[in-house]
Protein backbone atom coordinates (compact mmCIF):
# COMPACT_ATOMS: atom_id res chain seq x y z
CA UNK A 1 0.00 0.00 0.00
CA UNK A 2 1.42 3.40 -1.03
CA UNK A 3 2.03 6.03 1.65
CA UNK A 4 -0.33 8.48 -0.08
CA UNK A 5 -3.06 5.82 -0.14
CA UNK A 6 -2.78 5.15 3.60
CA UNK A 7 -3.23 8.78 4.75
CA UNK A 8 -6.51 10.20 3.46
CA UNK A 9 -6.69 13.58 5.20
CA UNK A 10 -5.67 15.34 8.41
CA UNK A 11 -8.29 15.82 11.11
CA UNK A 12 -8.21 19.42 12.33
CA UNK A 13 -10.60 19.94 15.22
CA UNK A 14 -10.32 21.80 18.49
CA UNK A 15 -9.39 18.62 20.33
CA UNK A 16 -6.83 17.58 17.69
CA UNK A 17 -5.27 21.06 17.83
CA UNK A 18 -4.88 20.74 21.61
CA UNK A 19 -3.16 17.37 21.15
CA UNK A 20 -0.60 18.94 18.79
CA UNK A 21 0.98 20.53 21.87
CA UNK A 22 1.81 16.97 23.01
CA UNK A 23 3.24 16.03 19.54
CA UNK A 24 0.10 14.04 18.64
CA UNK A 25 -1.35 14.42 15.15
CA UNK A 26 -4.66 13.00 13.93
CA UNK A 27 -5.37 11.57 10.46
CA UNK A 28 -8.19 9.82 8.66
CA UNK A 29 -6.60 6.67 7.25
CA UNK A 30 -7.52 3.79 4.97
CA UNK A 31 -9.69 1.29 6.83
CA UNK A 32 -7.43 -1.61 5.82
CA UNK A 33 -4.21 0.10 7.00
CA UNK A 34 -2.33 -1.36 9.97
CA UNK A 35 -0.43 0.58 12.62
CA UNK A 36 2.85 -0.30 10.89
CA UNK A 37 1.50 0.96 7.53
CA UNK A 38 0.43 4.23 9.17
CA UNK A 39 3.78 4.68 10.92
CA UNK A 40 5.74 4.10 7.70
CA UNK A 41 3.47 6.44 5.72
CA UNK A 42 3.79 9.33 8.20
CA UNK A 43 7.58 8.91 8.41
CA UNK A 44 7.88 8.82 4.61
CA UNK A 45 5.58 11.74 3.82
CA UNK A 46 6.49 14.15 6.64
CA UNK A 47 10.10 13.05 7.39
CA UNK A 48 9.58 12.68 11.17
CA UNK A 49 10.21 9.85 13.66
CA UNK A 50 6.98 8.20 14.88
CA UNK A 51 7.02 6.80 18.42
CA UNK A 52 3.42 5.59 18.79
CA UNK A 53 0.29 5.00 16.71
CA UNK A 54 -3.21 4.64 18.18
CA UNK A 55 -6.07 3.67 15.87
CA UNK A 56 -9.83 3.57 16.25
CA UNK A 57 -12.79 2.90 14.02
CA UNK A 58 -15.43 5.62 13.94
CA UNK A 59 -18.87 4.09 13.29
CA UNK A 60 -21.21 5.67 10.77
CA UNK A 61 -24.24 7.55 12.03
CA UNK A 62 -27.88 7.04 11.09
CA UNK A 63 -29.21 10.00 9.08
CA UNK A 64 -32.70 10.76 7.78
CA UNK A 65 -33.88 12.59 4.71
CA UNK A 66 -37.63 12.84 5.20
CA UNK A 67 -38.92 9.30 5.58
CA UNK A 68 -35.80 7.68 4.14
CA UNK A 69 -33.19 6.39 6.57
CA UNK A 70 -29.55 5.90 5.65
CA UNK A 71 -26.09 5.69 7.20
CA UNK A 72 -22.95 7.72 6.83
CA UNK A 73 -19.90 5.56 6.12
CA UNK A 74 -17.70 4.22 8.92
CA UNK A 75 -14.04 5.32 8.83
CA UNK A 76 -10.73 4.77 10.61
CA UNK A 77 -8.83 7.39 12.59
CA UNK A 78 -5.18 7.32 13.67
CA UNK A 79 -3.53 9.42 16.38
CA UNK A 80 0.20 9.51 15.67
CA UNK A 81 2.74 10.55 18.32
CA UNK A 82 6.06 11.83 16.99
CA UNK A 83 9.39 12.33 18.75
CA UNK A 84 9.80 15.29 21.08
CA UNK A 85 11.15 18.41 19.38
CA UNK A 86 9.85 17.46 15.91
CA UNK A 87 6.91 19.13 14.18
CA UNK A 88 4.77 18.56 11.12
CA UNK A 89 4.64 22.02 9.48
CA UNK A 90 1.55 21.04 7.42
CA UNK A 91 -0.59 21.37 10.58
CA UNK A 92 0.95 24.58 11.91
CA UNK A 93 -0.86 26.83 9.43
CA UNK A 94 -4.29 25.53 10.43
PDB file of N, CA and C in Angstrom:
ATOM      1  N   UNK A   1       0.852  -1.179   0.000  1.00  0.00           N
ATOM      2  CA  UNK A   1       0.000   0.000   0.000  1.00  0.00           C
ATOM      3  C   UNK A   1       0.900   1.245   0.000  1.00  0.00           C
ATOM      4  N   UNK A   2       0.649   2.158  -0.921  1.00  0.00           N
ATOM      5  CA  UNK A   2       1.424   3.398  -1.033  1.00  0.00           C
ATOM      6  C   UNK A   2       1.163   4.313   0.160  1.00  0.00           C
ATOM      7  N   UNK A   3       2.154   5.123   0.500  1.00  0.00           N
ATOM      8  CA  UNK A   3       2.027   6.033   1.648  1.00  0.00           C
ATOM      9  C   UNK A   3       0.891   7.032   1.435  1.00  0.00           C
ATOM     10  N   UNK A   4       0.734   7.500   0.220  1.00  0.00           N
ATOM     11  CA  UNK A   4      -0.328   8.477  -0.076  1.00  0.00           C
ATOM     12  C   UNK A   4      -1.709   7.838  -0.064  1.00  0.00           C
ATOM     13  N   UNK A   5      -1.774   6.522  -0.209  1.00  0.00           N
ATOM     14  CA  UNK A   5      -3.056   5.821  -0.144  1.00  0.00           C
ATOM     15  C   UNK A   5      -3.474   5.564   1.300  1.00  0.00           C
ATOM     16  N   UNK A   6      -2.496   5.441   2.189  1.00  0.00           N
ATOM     17  CA  UNK A   6      -2.781   5.155   3.600  1.00  0.00           C
ATOM     18  C   UNK A   6      -3.389   6.382   4.269  1.00  0.00           C
ATOM     19  N   UNK A   7      -2.755   7.538   4.120  1.00  0.00           N
ATOM     20  CA  UNK A   7      -3.228   8.778   4.749  1.00  0.00           C
ATOM     21  C   UNK A   7      -4.231   9.452   3.834  1.00  0.00           C
ATOM     22  N   UNK A   8      -5.478   9.575   4.285  1.00  0.00           N
ATOM     23  CA  UNK A   8      -6.509  10.196   3.463  1.00  0.00           C
ATOM     24  C   UNK A   8      -6.550  11.716   3.662  1.00  0.00           C
ATOM     25  N   UNK A   9      -6.633  12.145   4.926  1.00  0.00           N
ATOM     26  CA  UNK A   9      -6.689  13.581   5.203  1.00  0.00           C
ATOM     27  C   UNK A   9      -6.362  13.824   6.665  1.00  0.00           C
ATOM     28  N   UNK A  10      -5.882  15.015   7.005  1.00  0.00           N
ATOM     29  CA  UNK A  10      -5.668  15.336   8.414  1.00  0.00           C
ATOM     30  C   UNK A  10      -6.995  15.709   9.073  1.00  0.00           C
ATOM     31  N   UNK A  11      -7.108  15.439  10.344  1.00  0.00           N
ATOM     32  CA  UNK A  11      -8.291  15.820  11.114  1.00  0.00           C
ATOM     33  C   UNK A  11      -7.892  17.062  11.918  1.00  0.00           C
ATOM     34  N   UNK A  12      -8.539  18.179  11.634  1.00  0.00           N
ATOM     35  CA  UNK A  12      -8.215  19.423  12.327  1.00  0.00           C
ATOM     36  C   UNK A  12      -9.459  19.887  13.071  1.00  0.00           C
ATOM     37  N   UNK A  13      -9.510  19.529  14.346  1.00  0.00           N
ATOM     38  CA  UNK A  13     -10.595  19.939  15.218  1.00  0.00           C
ATOM     39  C   UNK A  13      -9.982  20.632  16.423  1.00  0.00           C
ATOM     40  N   UNK A  14     -10.812  21.137  17.288  1.00  0.00           N
ATOM     41  CA  UNK A  14     -10.316  21.802  18.493  1.00  0.00           C
ATOM     42  C   UNK A  14      -9.543  20.819  19.374  1.00  0.00           C
ATOM     43  N   UNK A  15     -10.061  19.626  19.503  1.00  0.00           N
ATOM     44  CA  UNK A  15      -9.390  18.621  20.327  1.00  0.00           C
ATOM     45  C   UNK A  15      -8.060  18.179  19.698  1.00  0.00           C
ATOM     46  N   UNK A  16      -8.063  17.984  18.376  1.00  0.00           N
ATOM     47  CA  UNK A  16      -6.832  17.582  17.688  1.00  0.00           C
ATOM     48  C   UNK A  16      -5.780  18.681  17.777  1.00  0.00           C
ATOM     49  N   UNK A  17      -6.207  19.942  17.716  1.00  0.00           N
ATOM     50  CA  UNK A  17      -5.268  21.058  17.831  1.00  0.00           C
ATOM     51  C   UNK A  17      -4.647  21.103  19.224  1.00  0.00           C
ATOM     52  N   UNK A  18      -5.419  20.768  20.242  1.00  0.00           N
ATOM     53  CA  UNK A  18      -4.883  20.741  21.609  1.00  0.00           C
ATOM     54  C   UNK A  18      -3.871  19.605  21.763  1.00  0.00           C
ATOM     55  N   UNK A  19      -4.086  18.499  21.073  1.00  0.00           N
ATOM     56  CA  UNK A  19      -3.158  17.370  21.149  1.00  0.00           C
ATOM     57  C   UNK A  19      -1.843  17.651  20.430  1.00  0.00           C
ATOM     58  N   UNK A  20      -1.834  18.600  19.499  1.00  0.00           N
ATOM     59  CA  UNK A  20      -0.604  18.940  18.791  1.00  0.00           C
ATOM     60  C   UNK A  20       0.461  19.482  19.737  1.00  0.00           C
ATOM     61  N   UNK A  21       0.032  20.048  20.860  1.00  0.00           N
ATOM     62  CA  UNK A  21       0.979  20.532  21.871  1.00  0.00           C
ATOM     63  C   UNK A  21       1.764  19.367  22.477  1.00  0.00           C
ATOM     64  N   UNK A  22       1.172  18.177  22.460  1.00  0.00           N
ATOM     65  CA  UNK A  22       1.808  16.969  23.007  1.00  0.00           C
ATOM     66  C   UNK A  22       2.443  16.128  21.902  1.00  0.00           C
ATOM     67  N   UNK A  23       2.665  16.723  20.709  1.00  0.00           N
ATOM     68  CA  UNK A  23       3.238  16.035  19.543  1.00  0.00           C
ATOM     69  C   UNK A  23       2.367  14.886  19.052  1.00  0.00           C
ATOM     70  N   UNK A  24       1.048  15.042  19.142  1.00  0.00           N
ATOM     71  CA  UNK A  24       0.105  14.043  18.638  1.00  0.00           C
ATOM     72  C   UNK A  24      -0.663  14.656  17.470  1.00  0.00           C
ATOM     73  N   UNK A  25      -0.676  13.946  16.353  1.00  0.00           N
ATOM     74  CA  UNK A  25      -1.353  14.422  15.152  1.00  0.00           C
ATOM     75  C   UNK A  25      -2.388  13.395  14.728  1.00  0.00           C
ATOM     76  N   UNK A  26      -3.536  13.862  14.236  1.00  0.00           N
ATOM     77  CA  UNK A  26      -4.661  12.999  13.929  1.00  0.00           C
ATOM     78  C   UNK A  26      -4.914  12.965  12.423  1.00  0.00           C
ATOM     79  N   UNK A  27      -5.122  11.764  11.889  1.00  0.00           N
ATOM     80  CA  UNK A  27      -5.375  11.571  10.464  1.00  0.00           C
ATOM     81  C   UNK A  27      -6.548  10.633  10.259  1.00  0.00           C
ATOM     82  N   UNK A  28      -7.265  10.842   9.136  1.00  0.00           N
ATOM     83  CA  UNK A  28      -8.191   9.821   8.660  1.00  0.00           C
ATOM     84  C   UNK A  28      -7.353   8.920   7.767  1.00  0.00           C
ATOM     85  N   UNK A  29      -7.440   7.612   7.994  1.00  0.00           N
ATOM     86  CA  UNK A  29      -6.602   6.672   7.250  1.00  0.00           C
ATOM     87  C   UNK A  29      -7.464   5.618   6.557  1.00  0.00           C
ATOM     88  N   UNK A  30      -6.840   4.880   5.661  1.00  0.00           N
ATOM     89  CA  UNK A  30      -7.522   3.794   4.968  1.00  0.00           C
ATOM     90  C   UNK A  30      -7.961   2.745   5.988  1.00  0.00           C
ATOM     91  N   UNK A  31      -9.157   2.219   5.830  1.00  0.00           N
ATOM     92  CA  UNK A  31      -9.690   1.292   6.834  1.00  0.00           C
ATOM     93  C   UNK A  31      -8.937  -0.032   6.880  1.00  0.00           C
ATOM     94  N   UNK A  32      -8.187  -0.364   5.834  1.00  0.00           N
ATOM     95  CA  UNK A  32      -7.425  -1.612   5.817  1.00  0.00           C
ATOM     96  C   UNK A  32      -5.985  -1.421   6.300  1.00  0.00           C
ATOM     97  N   UNK A  33      -5.590  -0.186   6.603  1.00  0.00           N
ATOM     98  CA  UNK A  33      -4.214   0.101   7.001  1.00  0.00           C
ATOM     99  C   UNK A  33      -3.938  -0.379   8.428  1.00  0.00           C
ATOM    100  N   UNK A  34      -2.750  -0.936   8.640  1.00  0.00           N
ATOM    101  CA  UNK A  34      -2.333  -1.358   9.969  1.00  0.00           C
ATOM    102  C   UNK A  34      -1.529  -0.244  10.624  1.00  0.00           C
ATOM    103  N   UNK A  35      -1.217  -0.419  11.906  1.00  0.00           N
ATOM    104  CA  UNK A  35      -0.426   0.583  12.618  1.00  0.00           C
ATOM    105  C   UNK A  35       0.959   0.746  11.982  1.00  0.00           C
ATOM    106  N   UNK A  36       1.537  -0.349  11.523  1.00  0.00           N
ATOM    107  CA  UNK A  36       2.851  -0.297  10.888  1.00  0.00           C
ATOM    108  C   UNK A  36       2.765   0.455   9.558  1.00  0.00           C
ATOM    109  N   UNK A  37       1.708   0.229   8.776  1.00  0.00           N
ATOM    110  CA  UNK A  37       1.501   0.959   7.527  1.00  0.00           C
ATOM    111  C   UNK A  37       1.389   2.456   7.793  1.00  0.00           C
ATOM    112  N   UNK A  38       0.637   2.819   8.827  1.00  0.00           N
ATOM    113  CA  UNK A  38       0.427   4.228   9.166  1.00  0.00           C
ATOM    114  C   UNK A  38       1.740   4.867   9.608  1.00  0.00           C
ATOM    115  N   UNK A  39       2.489   4.165  10.448  1.00  0.00           N
ATOM    116  CA  UNK A  39       3.783   4.679  10.917  1.00  0.00           C
ATOM    117  C   UNK A  39       4.727   4.928   9.747  1.00  0.00           C
ATOM    118  N   UNK A  40       4.855   3.958   8.862  1.00  0.00           N
ATOM    119  CA  UNK A  40       5.739   4.099   7.703  1.00  0.00           C
ATOM    120  C   UNK A  40       5.294   5.229   6.784  1.00  0.00           C
ATOM    121  N   UNK A  41       3.991   5.389   6.597  1.00  0.00           N
ATOM    122  CA  UNK A  41       3.466   6.441   5.719  1.00  0.00           C
ATOM    123  C   UNK A  41       3.762   7.828   6.281  1.00  0.00           C
ATOM    124  N   UNK A  42       3.542   8.024   7.581  1.00  0.00           N
ATOM    125  CA  UNK A  42       3.791   9.331   8.199  1.00  0.00           C
ATOM    126  C   UNK A  42       5.287   9.663   8.158  1.00  0.00           C
ATOM    127  N   UNK A  43       6.133   8.675   8.449  1.00  0.00           N
ATOM    128  CA  UNK A  43       7.576   8.906   8.411  1.00  0.00           C
ATOM    129  C   UNK A  43       8.049   9.231   7.003  1.00  0.00           C
ATOM    130  N   UNK A  44       7.475   8.576   5.995  1.00  0.00           N
ATOM    131  CA  UNK A  44       7.876   8.819   4.611  1.00  0.00           C
ATOM    132  C   UNK A  44       7.404  10.173   4.101  1.00  0.00           C
ATOM    133  N   UNK A  45       6.157  10.515   4.365  1.00  0.00           N
ATOM    134  CA  UNK A  45       5.579  11.743   3.817  1.00  0.00           C
ATOM    135  C   UNK A  45       6.091  12.996   4.538  1.00  0.00           C
ATOM    136  N   UNK A  46       6.161  12.954   5.877  1.00  0.00           N
ATOM    137  CA  UNK A  46       6.490  14.150   6.644  1.00  0.00           C
ATOM    138  C   UNK A  46       7.917  14.183   7.180  1.00  0.00           C
ATOM    139  N   UNK A  47       8.694  13.122   6.972  1.00  0.00           N
ATOM    140  CA  UNK A  47      10.104  13.054   7.393  1.00  0.00           C
ATOM    141  C   UNK A  47      10.270  13.300   8.896  1.00  0.00           C
ATOM    142  N   UNK A  48       9.491  12.603   9.708  1.00  0.00           N
ATOM    143  CA  UNK A  48       9.576  12.678  11.169  1.00  0.00           C
ATOM    144  C   UNK A  48       9.701  11.264  11.724  1.00  0.00           C
ATOM    145  N   UNK A  49      10.078  11.148  12.988  1.00  0.00           N
ATOM    146  CA  UNK A  49      10.211   9.851  13.656  1.00  0.00           C
ATOM    147  C   UNK A  49       8.955   9.607  14.489  1.00  0.00           C
ATOM    148  N   UNK A  50       8.221   8.548  14.182  1.00  0.00           N
ATOM    149  CA  UNK A  50       6.979   8.204  14.885  1.00  0.00           C
ATOM    150  C   UNK A  50       7.307   7.288  16.055  1.00  0.00           C
ATOM    151  N   UNK A  51       6.785   7.623  17.245  1.00  0.00           N
ATOM    152  CA  UNK A  51       7.025   6.803  18.421  1.00  0.00           C
ATOM    153  C   UNK A  51       5.833   5.925  18.774  1.00  0.00           C
ATOM    154  N   UNK A  52       4.614   6.345  18.401  1.00  0.00           N
ATOM    155  CA  UNK A  52       3.420   5.594  18.794  1.00  0.00           C
ATOM    156  C   UNK A  52       2.285   5.869  17.815  1.00  0.00           C
ATOM    157  N   UNK A  53       1.475   4.850  17.554  1.00  0.00           N
ATOM    158  CA  UNK A  53       0.289   4.997  16.708  1.00  0.00           C
ATOM    159  C   UNK A  53      -0.899   4.370  17.432  1.00  0.00           C
ATOM    160  N   UNK A  54      -1.958   5.142  17.603  1.00  0.00           N
ATOM    161  CA  UNK A  54      -3.209   4.636  18.181  1.00  0.00           C
ATOM    162  C   UNK A  54      -4.279   4.731  17.092  1.00  0.00           C
ATOM    163  N   UNK A  55      -5.029   3.659  16.900  1.00  0.00           N
ATOM    164  CA  UNK A  55      -6.070   3.666  15.871  1.00  0.00           C
ATOM    165  C   UNK A  55      -7.426   3.389  16.498  1.00  0.00           C
ATOM    166  N   UNK A  56      -8.467   3.880  15.835  1.00  0.00           N
ATOM    167  CA  UNK A  56      -9.825   3.573  16.251  1.00  0.00           C
ATOM    168  C   UNK A  56     -10.750   3.671  15.056  1.00  0.00           C
ATOM    169  N   UNK A  57     -11.788   2.866  15.086  1.00  0.00           N
ATOM    170  CA  UNK A  57     -12.789   2.902  14.020  1.00  0.00           C
ATOM    171  C   UNK A  57     -13.950   3.774  14.486  1.00  0.00           C
ATOM    172  N   UNK A  58     -14.320   4.726  13.639  1.00  0.00           N
ATOM    173  CA  UNK A  58     -15.427   5.621  13.944  1.00  0.00           C
ATOM    174  C   UNK A  58     -16.655   5.080  13.216  1.00  0.00           C
ATOM    175  N   UNK A  59     -17.687   4.659  13.949  1.00  0.00           N
ATOM    176  CA  UNK A  59     -18.868   4.088  13.294  1.00  0.00           C
ATOM    177  C   UNK A  59     -19.688   5.157  12.578  1.00  0.00           C
ATOM    178  N   UNK A  60     -20.337   4.758  11.487  1.00  0.00           N
ATOM    179  CA  UNK A  60     -21.212   5.670  10.767  1.00  0.00           C
ATOM    180  C   UNK A  60     -22.460   5.977  11.580  1.00  0.00           C
ATOM    181  N   UNK A  61     -23.047   7.134  11.295  1.00  0.00           N
ATOM    182  CA  UNK A  61     -24.242   7.549  12.025  1.00  0.00           C
ATOM    183  C   UNK A  61     -25.487   7.353  11.159  1.00  0.00           C
ATOM    184  N   UNK A  62     -26.608   7.155  11.797  1.00  0.00           N
ATOM    185  CA  UNK A  62     -27.878   7.041  11.087  1.00  0.00           C
ATOM    186  C   UNK A  62     -28.371   8.449  10.777  1.00  0.00           C
ATOM    187  N   UNK A  63     -28.704   8.698   9.508  1.00  0.00           N
ATOM    188  CA  UNK A  63     -29.206   9.999   9.079  1.00  0.00           C
ATOM    189  C   UNK A  63     -30.529   9.800   8.351  1.00  0.00           C
ATOM    190  N   UNK A  64     -31.398  10.813   8.442  1.00  0.00           N
ATOM    191  CA  UNK A  64     -32.704  10.755   7.779  1.00  0.00           C
ATOM    192  C   UNK A  64     -32.829  11.887   6.783  1.00  0.00           C
ATOM    193  N   UNK A  65     -33.474  11.582   5.677  1.00  0.00           N
ATOM    194  CA  UNK A  65     -33.882  12.592   4.705  1.00  0.00           C
ATOM    195  C   UNK A  65     -35.373  12.366   4.495  1.00  0.00           C
ATOM    196  N   UNK A  66     -36.197  13.079   5.257  1.00  0.00           N
ATOM    197  CA  UNK A  66     -37.631  12.836   5.205  1.00  0.00           C
ATOM    198  C   UNK A  66     -37.951  11.489   5.811  1.00  0.00           C
ATOM    199  N   UNK A  67     -38.589  10.624   5.043  1.00  0.00           N
ATOM    200  CA  UNK A  67     -38.925   9.304   5.576  1.00  0.00           C
ATOM    201  C   UNK A  67     -37.875   8.256   5.260  1.00  0.00           C
ATOM    202  N   UNK A  68     -36.847   8.618   4.519  1.00  0.00           N
ATOM    203  CA  UNK A  68     -35.795   7.681   4.138  1.00  0.00           C
ATOM    204  C   UNK A  68     -34.672   7.696   5.174  1.00  0.00           C
ATOM    205  N   UNK A  69     -34.243   6.523   5.568  1.00  0.00           N
ATOM    206  CA  UNK A  69     -33.191   6.386   6.566  1.00  0.00           C
ATOM    207  C   UNK A  69     -31.955   5.816   5.891  1.00  0.00           C
ATOM    208  N   UNK A  70     -30.801   6.401   6.196  1.00  0.00           N
ATOM    209  CA  UNK A  70     -29.550   5.901   5.645  1.00  0.00           C
ATOM    210  C   UNK A  70     -28.445   6.009   6.687  1.00  0.00           C
ATOM    211  N   UNK A  71     -27.245   5.640   6.294  1.00  0.00           N
ATOM    212  CA  UNK A  71     -26.094   5.690   7.202  1.00  0.00           C
ATOM    213  C   UNK A  71     -24.949   6.422   6.523  1.00  0.00           C
ATOM    214  N   UNK A  72     -24.198   7.168   7.323  1.00  0.00           N
ATOM    215  CA  UNK A  72     -22.947   7.721   6.825  1.00  0.00           C
ATOM    216  C   UNK A  72     -21.905   6.613   6.912  1.00  0.00           C
ATOM    217  N   UNK A  73     -20.874   6.659   6.101  1.00  0.00           N
ATOM    218  CA  UNK A  73     -19.900   5.564   6.121  1.00  0.00           C
ATOM    219  C   UNK A  73     -19.055   5.549   7.390  1.00  0.00           C
ATOM    220  N   UNK A  74     -18.640   4.366   7.808  1.00  0.00           N
ATOM    221  CA  UNK A  74     -17.702   4.219   8.915  1.00  0.00           C
ATOM    222  C   UNK A  74     -16.306   4.533   8.378  1.00  0.00           C
ATOM    223  N   UNK A  75     -15.398   4.989   9.256  1.00  0.00           N
ATOM    224  CA  UNK A  75     -14.043   5.316   8.832  1.00  0.00           C
ATOM    225  C   UNK A  75     -13.058   5.060   9.957  1.00  0.00           C
ATOM    226  N   UNK A  76     -11.777   5.083   9.639  1.00  0.00           N
ATOM    227  CA  UNK A  76     -10.732   4.770  10.611  1.00  0.00           C
ATOM    228  C   UNK A  76      -9.907   6.021  10.879  1.00  0.00           C
ATOM    229  N   UNK A  77      -9.597   6.227  12.157  1.00  0.00           N
ATOM    230  CA  UNK A  77      -8.829   7.394  12.589  1.00  0.00           C
ATOM    231  C   UNK A  77      -7.551   6.909  13.256  1.00  0.00           C
ATOM    232  N   UNK A  78      -6.454   7.656  13.038  1.00  0.00           N
ATOM    233  CA  UNK A  78      -5.181   7.320  13.667  1.00  0.00           C
ATOM    234  C   UNK A  78      -4.634   8.552  14.378  1.00  0.00           C
ATOM    235  N   UNK A  79      -4.192   8.362  15.623  1.00  0.00           N
ATOM    236  CA  UNK A  79      -3.532   9.421  16.383  1.00  0.00           C
ATOM    237  C   UNK A  79      -2.062   9.020  16.465  1.00  0.00           C
ATOM    238  N   UNK A  80      -1.216   9.824  15.813  1.00  0.00           N
ATOM    239  CA  UNK A  80       0.198   9.509  15.666  1.00  0.00           C
ATOM    240  C   UNK A  80       1.007  10.405  16.589  1.00  0.00           C
ATOM    241  N   UNK A  81       1.847   9.804  17.435  1.00  0.00           N
ATOM    242  CA  UNK A  81       2.743  10.549  18.319  1.00  0.00           C
ATOM    243  C   UNK A  81       4.127  10.546  17.684  1.00  0.00           C
ATOM    244  N   UNK A  82       4.717  11.744  17.570  1.00  0.00           N
ATOM    245  CA  UNK A  82       6.055  11.835  16.995  1.00  0.00           C
ATOM    246  C   UNK A  82       7.056  12.206  18.087  1.00  0.00           C
ATOM    247  N   UNK A  83       8.349  12.066  17.767  1.00  0.00           N
ATOM    248  CA  UNK A  83       9.393  12.334  18.748  1.00  0.00           C
ATOM    249  C   UNK A  83       9.349  13.775  19.235  1.00  0.00           C
ATOM    250  N   UNK A  84       9.772  13.968  20.483  1.00  0.00           N
ATOM    251  CA  UNK A  84       9.805  15.292  21.081  1.00  0.00           C
ATOM    252  C   UNK A  84      10.740  16.197  20.297  1.00  0.00           C
ATOM    253  N   UNK A  85      10.338  17.440  20.093  1.00  0.00           N
ATOM    254  CA  UNK A  85      11.154  18.407  19.377  1.00  0.00           C
ATOM    255  C   UNK A  85      10.892  18.447  17.888  1.00  0.00           C
ATOM    256  N   UNK A  86      10.168  17.459  17.342  1.00  0.00           N
ATOM    257  CA  UNK A  86       9.847  17.456  15.910  1.00  0.00           C
ATOM    258  C   UNK A  86       8.442  18.014  15.701  1.00  0.00           C
ATOM    259  N   UNK A  87       8.219  18.550  14.516  1.00  0.00           N
ATOM    260  CA  UNK A  87       6.914  19.135  14.178  1.00  0.00           C
ATOM    261  C   UNK A  87       6.543  18.715  12.770  1.00  0.00           C
ATOM    262  N   UNK A  88       5.258  18.728  12.484  1.00  0.00           N
ATOM    263  CA  UNK A  88       4.775  18.561  11.124  1.00  0.00           C
ATOM    264  C   UNK A  88       4.263  19.942  10.697  1.00  0.00           C
ATOM    265  N   UNK A  89       4.997  20.636   9.833  1.00  0.00           N
ATOM    266  CA  UNK A  89       4.636  22.016   9.482  1.00  0.00           C
ATOM    267  C   UNK A  89       3.304  22.138   8.749  1.00  0.00           C
ATOM    268  N   UNK A  90       2.829  21.044   8.133  1.00  0.00           N
ATOM    269  CA  UNK A  90       1.549  21.039   7.424  1.00  0.00           C
ATOM    270  C   UNK A  90       0.410  21.468   8.352  1.00  0.00           C
ATOM    271  N   UNK A  91       0.472  21.079   9.620  1.00  0.00           N
ATOM    272  CA  UNK A  91      -0.585  21.370  10.583  1.00  0.00           C
ATOM    273  C   UNK A  91      -0.456  22.756  11.200  1.00  0.00           C
ATOM    274  N   UNK A  92       0.715  23.338  11.189  1.00  0.00           N
ATOM    275  CA  UNK A  92       0.948  24.584  11.914  1.00  0.00           C
ATOM    276  C   UNK A  92       0.162  25.753  11.348  1.00  0.00           C
ATOM    277  N   UNK A  93      -0.128  25.738  10.047  1.00  0.00           N
ATOM    278  CA  UNK A  93      -0.858  26.834   9.428  1.00  0.00           C
ATOM    279  C   UNK A  93      -2.348  26.799   9.698  1.00  0.00           C
ATOM    280  N   UNK A  94      -2.846  25.699  10.218  1.00  0.00           N
ATOM    281  CA  UNK A  94      -4.287  25.533  10.435  1.00  0.00           C
ATOM    282  C   UNK A  94      -4.761  26.221  11.688  1.00  0.00           C
TER     283      UNK A  94
END
